[in-house]
């Protein structure tokens, strides 16, 4: 299965490695909390749920909690594993391969649900554009990635 993806962090990883990540499905009604990326080669925007790499010896559920703590400065609750996806993709002209643990959860900091955009940062301090985006707004020019996630959530694009 070939799936387009978004994780810009994969670009530093050699193409002969498979990266293991955990992502969080956080909903606000019909909206999904995502970060926005831009593929400079394809010249299109993509959106992915927050999360990141699973460290050696770390459980995937612990990784998603750590990532949201780092990115949004909040804890999570009602964590439930939804799926595990394989994601083979190309971003910015480079190949990537991920195993993606998908978790649904709620944010403890309820004020985040009231904001349309959230100030967030990568582990290196780089800012991330994080927004609530309607599940109906994803299309070929504004892709939710990995594509298997869109299918899993019943989103057609």
C-alpha atoms as a PDB file:
ATOM      1  CA  UNK A   1       0.000   0.000   0.000  1.00  0.00           C
ATOM      2  CA  UNK A   2       1.479   3.360  -1.002  1.00  0.00           C
ATOM      3  CA  UNK A   3       0.494   6.195   1.296  1.00  0.00           C
ATOM      4  CA  UNK A   4       1.505   9.857   1.160  1.00  0.00           C
ATOM      5  CA  UNK A   5       2.600  11.339   4.465  1.00  0.00           C
ATOM      6  CA  UNK A   6       3.677  14.429   6.241  1.00  0.00           C
ATOM      7  CA  UNK A   7       6.234  13.965   8.908  1.00  0.00           C
ATOM      8  CA  UNK A   8       8.993  16.372   7.999  1.00  0.00           C
ATOM      9  CA  UNK A   9      11.144  15.003  10.842  1.00  0.00           C
ATOM     10  CA  UNK A  10      11.656  11.806   8.822  1.00  0.00           C
ATOM     11  CA  UNK A  11      13.818  13.699   6.330  1.00  0.00           C
ATOM     12  CA  UNK A  12      16.891  13.420   8.556  1.00  0.00           C
ATOM     13  CA  UNK A  13      16.455   9.659   8.793  1.00  0.00           C
ATOM     14  CA  UNK A  14      18.300   7.420   6.302  1.00  0.00           C
ATOM     15  CA  UNK A  15      15.909   5.915   3.716  1.00  0.00           C
ATOM     16  CA  UNK A  16      16.861   2.382   4.818  1.00  0.00           C
ATOM     17  CA  UNK A  17      15.249   2.883   8.252  1.00  0.00           C
ATOM     18  CA  UNK A  18      11.649   2.492   9.372  1.00  0.00           C
ATOM     19  CA  UNK A  19      10.522   5.099  11.886  1.00  0.00           C
ATOM     20  CA  UNK A  20       8.008   4.238  14.609  1.00  0.00           C
ATOM     21  CA  UNK A  21       5.688   7.099  15.591  1.00  0.00           C
ATOM     22  CA  UNK A  22       2.589   7.651  17.738  1.00  0.00           C
ATOM     23  CA  UNK A  23      -0.092  10.185  16.820  1.00  0.00           C
ATOM     24  CA  UNK A  24      -3.123  11.509  18.676  1.00  0.00           C
ATOM     25  CA  UNK A  25      -6.617  11.824  17.245  1.00  0.00           C
ATOM     26  CA  UNK A  26      -8.092  14.767  19.152  1.00  0.00           C
ATOM     27  CA  UNK A  27     -11.554  15.923  18.097  1.00  0.00           C
ATOM     28  CA  UNK A  28     -13.665  19.005  18.691  1.00  0.00           C
ATOM     29  CA  UNK A  29     -16.997  18.039  17.185  1.00  0.00           C
ATOM     30  CA  UNK A  30     -16.288  17.574  13.463  1.00  0.00           C
ATOM     31  CA  UNK A  31     -12.866  19.232  13.791  1.00  0.00           C
ATOM     32  CA  UNK A  32      -9.545  17.438  14.101  1.00  0.00           C
ATOM     33  CA  UNK A  33      -6.456  18.906  15.805  1.00  0.00           C
ATOM     34  CA  UNK A  34      -3.613  18.843  13.263  1.00  0.00           C
ATOM     35  CA  UNK A  35      -0.363  20.549  12.375  1.00  0.00           C
ATOM     36  CA  UNK A  36       0.144  22.038   8.944  1.00  0.00           C
ATOM     37  CA  UNK A  37       3.109  21.165   6.796  1.00  0.00           C
ATOM     38  CA  UNK A  38       4.115  22.080   3.284  1.00  0.00           C
ATOM     39  CA  UNK A  39       5.750  19.781   0.728  1.00  0.00           C
ATOM     40  CA  UNK A  40       8.094  21.997  -1.280  1.00  0.00           C
ATOM     41  CA  UNK A  41       8.382  19.497  -4.152  1.00  0.00           C
ATOM     42  CA  UNK A  42       4.659  18.718  -4.538  1.00  0.00           C
ATOM     43  CA  UNK A  43       3.819  22.318  -3.638  1.00  0.00           C
ATOM     44  CA  UNK A  44       0.894  21.392  -1.458  1.00  0.00           C
ATOM     45  CA  UNK A  45      -0.176  21.590   2.130  1.00  0.00           C
ATOM     46  CA  UNK A  46      -0.662  18.520   4.253  1.00  0.00           C
ATOM     47  CA  UNK A  47      -2.012  18.011   7.746  1.00  0.00           C
ATOM     48  CA  UNK A  48      -1.112  15.406  10.332  1.00  0.00           C
ATOM     49  CA  UNK A  49      -2.249  14.711  13.859  1.00  0.00           C
ATOM     50  CA  UNK A  50       0.182  15.684  16.596  1.00  0.00           C
ATOM     51  CA  UNK A  51       2.668  13.165  17.896  1.00  0.00           C
ATOM     52  CA  UNK A  52       6.098  11.914  17.009  1.00  0.00           C
ATOM     53  CA  UNK A  53       8.769   9.304  17.403  1.00  0.00           C
ATOM     54  CA  UNK A  54       8.649   6.412  19.846  1.00  0.00           C
ATOM     55  CA  UNK A  55      11.951   6.181  21.729  1.00  0.00           C
ATOM     56  CA  UNK A  56      13.672   2.806  22.300  1.00  0.00           C
ATOM     57  CA  UNK A  57      12.141   1.155  25.383  1.00  0.00           C
ATOM     58  CA  UNK A  58       9.144   3.523  25.372  1.00  0.00           C
ATOM     59  CA  UNK A  59       5.569   2.302  24.953  1.00  0.00           C
ATOM     60  CA  UNK A  60       3.699   3.923  22.058  1.00  0.00           C
ATOM     61  CA  UNK A  61       0.990   5.272  24.411  1.00  0.00           C
ATOM     62  CA  UNK A  62       3.658   6.893  26.582  1.00  0.00           C
ATOM     63  CA  UNK A  63       5.238   8.426  23.472  1.00  0.00           C
ATOM     64  CA  UNK A  64       2.014  10.101  22.354  1.00  0.00           C
ATOM     65  CA  UNK A  65       1.497  11.505  25.872  1.00  0.00           C
ATOM     66  CA  UNK A  66       5.096  12.796  25.948  1.00  0.00           C
ATOM     67  CA  UNK A  67       4.791  14.347  22.492  1.00  0.00           C
ATOM     68  CA  UNK A  68       1.596  16.248  23.349  1.00  0.00           C
ATOM     69  CA  UNK A  69       3.128  17.373  26.632  1.00  0.00           C
ATOM     70  CA  UNK A  70       6.140  18.729  24.688  1.00  0.00           C
ATOM     71  CA  UNK A  71       4.159  20.251  21.813  1.00  0.00           C
ATOM     72  CA  UNK A  72       1.069  21.632  23.595  1.00  0.00           C
ATOM     73  CA  UNK A  73       2.135  21.654  27.259  1.00  0.00           C
ATOM     74  CA  UNK A  74      -0.865  19.547  28.253  1.00  0.00           C
ATOM     75  CA  UNK A  75      -1.534  16.075  29.556  1.00  0.00           C
ATOM     76  CA  UNK A  76      -3.989  13.728  27.877  1.00  0.00           C
ATOM     77  CA  UNK A  77      -6.772  11.473  29.151  1.00  0.00           C
ATOM     78  CA  UNK A  78      -9.067   8.742  27.836  1.00  0.00           C
ATOM     79  CA  UNK A  79      -6.217   7.356  25.743  1.00  0.00           C
ATOM     80  CA  UNK A  80      -7.304   4.469  23.526  1.00  0.00           C
ATOM     81  CA  UNK A  81      -5.338   2.773  20.766  1.00  0.00           C
ATOM     82  CA  UNK A  82      -7.337   2.912  17.531  1.00  0.00           C
ATOM     83  CA  UNK A  83      -5.027   1.348  14.957  1.00  0.00           C
ATOM     84  CA  UNK A  84      -1.523   0.688  13.740  1.00  0.00           C
ATOM     85  CA  UNK A  85      -0.819   1.843  10.182  1.00  0.00           C
ATOM     86  CA  UNK A  86       2.075   1.338   7.810  1.00  0.00           C
ATOM     87  CA  UNK A  87       2.980   4.524   5.962  1.00  0.00           C
ATOM     88  CA  UNK A  88       5.262   4.481   2.909  1.00  0.00           C
ATOM     89  CA  UNK A  89       5.509   7.952   1.406  1.00  0.00           C
ATOM     90  CA  UNK A  90       7.503  10.687  -0.237  1.00  0.00           C
ATOM     91  CA  UNK A  91       7.804  14.189   1.221  1.00  0.00           C
ATOM     92  CA  UNK A  92       9.962  17.006  -0.141  1.00  0.00           C
ATOM     93  CA  UNK A  93      11.234  14.537  -2.733  1.00  0.00           C
ATOM     94  CA  UNK A  94      12.558  12.038  -0.169  1.00  0.00           C
ATOM     95  CA  UNK A  95      11.236   8.588   0.624  1.00  0.00           C
ATOM     96  CA  UNK A  96      10.017   7.672   4.092  1.00  0.00           C
ATOM     97  CA  UNK A  97       8.587   4.630   5.839  1.00  0.00           C
ATOM     98  CA  UNK A  98       6.748   4.693   9.188  1.00  0.00           C
ATOM     99  CA  UNK A  99       4.836   2.420  11.489  1.00  0.00           C
ATOM    100  CA  UNK A 100       2.148   4.682  12.964  1.00  0.00           C
ATOM    101  CA  UNK A 101       0.415   3.945  16.276  1.00  0.00           C
ATOM    102  CA  UNK A 102      -2.877   5.872  16.307  1.00  0.00           C
ATOM    103  CA  UNK A 103      -4.497   6.838  19.624  1.00  0.00           C
ATOM    104  CA  UNK A 104      -7.684   8.730  20.359  1.00  0.00           C
ATOM    105  CA  UNK A 105      -7.517  10.958  23.421  1.00  0.00           C
ATOM    106  CA  UNK A 106      -8.760  14.095  25.132  1.00  0.00           C
ATOM    107  CA  UNK A 107      -6.722  17.095  26.228  1.00  0.00           C
ATOM    108  CA  UNK A 108      -6.641  17.919  29.939  1.00  0.00           C
ATOM    109  CA  UNK A 109      -6.170  21.636  29.161  1.00  0.00           C
ATOM    110  CA  UNK A 110      -9.752  22.334  28.055  1.00  0.00           C
ATOM    111  CA  UNK A 111      -8.847  25.891  26.966  1.00  0.00           C
ATOM    112  CA  UNK A 112      -7.188  24.421  23.843  1.00  0.00           C
ATOM    113  CA  UNK A 113     -10.627  23.376  22.572  1.00  0.00           C
ATOM    114  CA  UNK A 114     -11.735  27.035  22.577  1.00  0.00           C
ATOM    115  CA  UNK A 115      -8.882  28.248  20.341  1.00  0.00           C
ATOM    116  CA  UNK A 116      -8.855  27.873  16.548  1.00  0.00           C
ATOM    117  CA  UNK A 117      -5.062  27.867  16.389  1.00  0.00           C
ATOM    118  CA  UNK A 118      -2.579  26.857  19.050  1.00  0.00           C
ATOM    119  CA  UNK A 119       1.003  27.946  19.593  1.00  0.00           C
ATOM    120  CA  UNK A 120       3.092  24.782  19.533  1.00  0.00           C
ATOM    121  CA  UNK A 121       6.741  23.914  19.126  1.00  0.00           C
ATOM    122  CA  UNK A 122       8.859  21.051  17.828  1.00  0.00           C
ATOM    123  CA  UNK A 123      11.389  19.452  20.182  1.00  0.00           C
ATOM    124  CA  UNK A 124      14.092  21.726  18.691  1.00  0.00           C
ATOM    125  CA  UNK A 125      12.039  24.854  19.460  1.00  0.00           C
ATOM    126  CA  UNK A 126      10.839  25.407  15.891  1.00  0.00           C
ATOM    127  CA  UNK A 127       7.247  26.703  15.798  1.00  0.00           C
ATOM    128  CA  UNK A 128       4.485  24.486  14.423  1.00  0.00           C
ATOM    129  CA  UNK A 129       1.213  25.738  12.954  1.00  0.00           C
ATOM    130  CA  UNK A 130      -1.440  23.758  14.861  1.00  0.00           C
ATOM    131  CA  UNK A 131      -5.090  24.245  13.997  1.00  0.00           C
ATOM    132  CA  UNK A 132      -8.520  22.717  14.370  1.00  0.00           C
ATOM    133  CA  UNK A 133      -9.603  21.705  10.872  1.00  0.00           C
ATOM    134  CA  UNK A 134     -12.993  20.400   9.803  1.00  0.00           C
ATOM    135  CA  UNK A 135     -12.841  16.801   8.628  1.00  0.00           C
ATOM    136  CA  UNK A 136     -14.855  17.972   5.590  1.00  0.00           C
ATOM    137  CA  UNK A 137     -12.085  20.399   4.567  1.00  0.00           C
ATOM    138  CA  UNK A 138      -9.488  17.785   3.643  1.00  0.00           C
ATOM    139  CA  UNK A 139      -9.040  17.316  -0.106  1.00  0.00           C
ATOM    140  CA  UNK A 140      -6.280  16.666  -2.656  1.00  0.00           C
ATOM    141  CA  UNK A 141      -4.756  20.130  -2.061  1.00  0.00           C
ATOM    142  CA  UNK A 142      -5.124  19.896   1.736  1.00  0.00           C
ATOM    143  CA  UNK A 143      -4.351  16.260   2.506  1.00  0.00           C
ATOM    144  CA  UNK A 144      -4.747  14.515   5.840  1.00  0.00           C
ATOM    145  CA  UNK A 145      -1.826  12.138   6.169  1.00  0.00           C
ATOM    146  CA  UNK A 146      -1.159   9.357   6.333  1.00  0.00           C
ATOM    147  CA  UNK A 147      -3.890   8.657   3.780  1.00  0.00           C
ATOM    148  CA  UNK A 148      -4.782   5.462   5.651  1.00  0.00           C
ATOM    149  CA  UNK A 149      -5.707   7.678   8.615  1.00  0.00           C
ATOM    150  CA  UNK A 150      -8.210   9.564   6.474  1.00  0.00           C
ATOM    151  CA  UNK A 151      -9.729   6.251   5.419  1.00  0.00           C
ATOM    152  CA  UNK A 152      -9.770   5.012   9.020  1.00  0.00           C
ATOM    153  CA  UNK A 153     -11.656   8.142  10.098  1.00  0.00           C
ATOM    154  CA  UNK A 154     -14.071   7.931   7.170  1.00  0.00           C
ATOM    155  CA  UNK A 155     -12.709  11.061   5.526  1.00  0.00           C
ATOM    156  CA  UNK A 156     -12.688  11.117   1.745  1.00  0.00           C
ATOM    157  CA  UNK A 157     -10.276  13.440   0.037  1.00  0.00           C
END
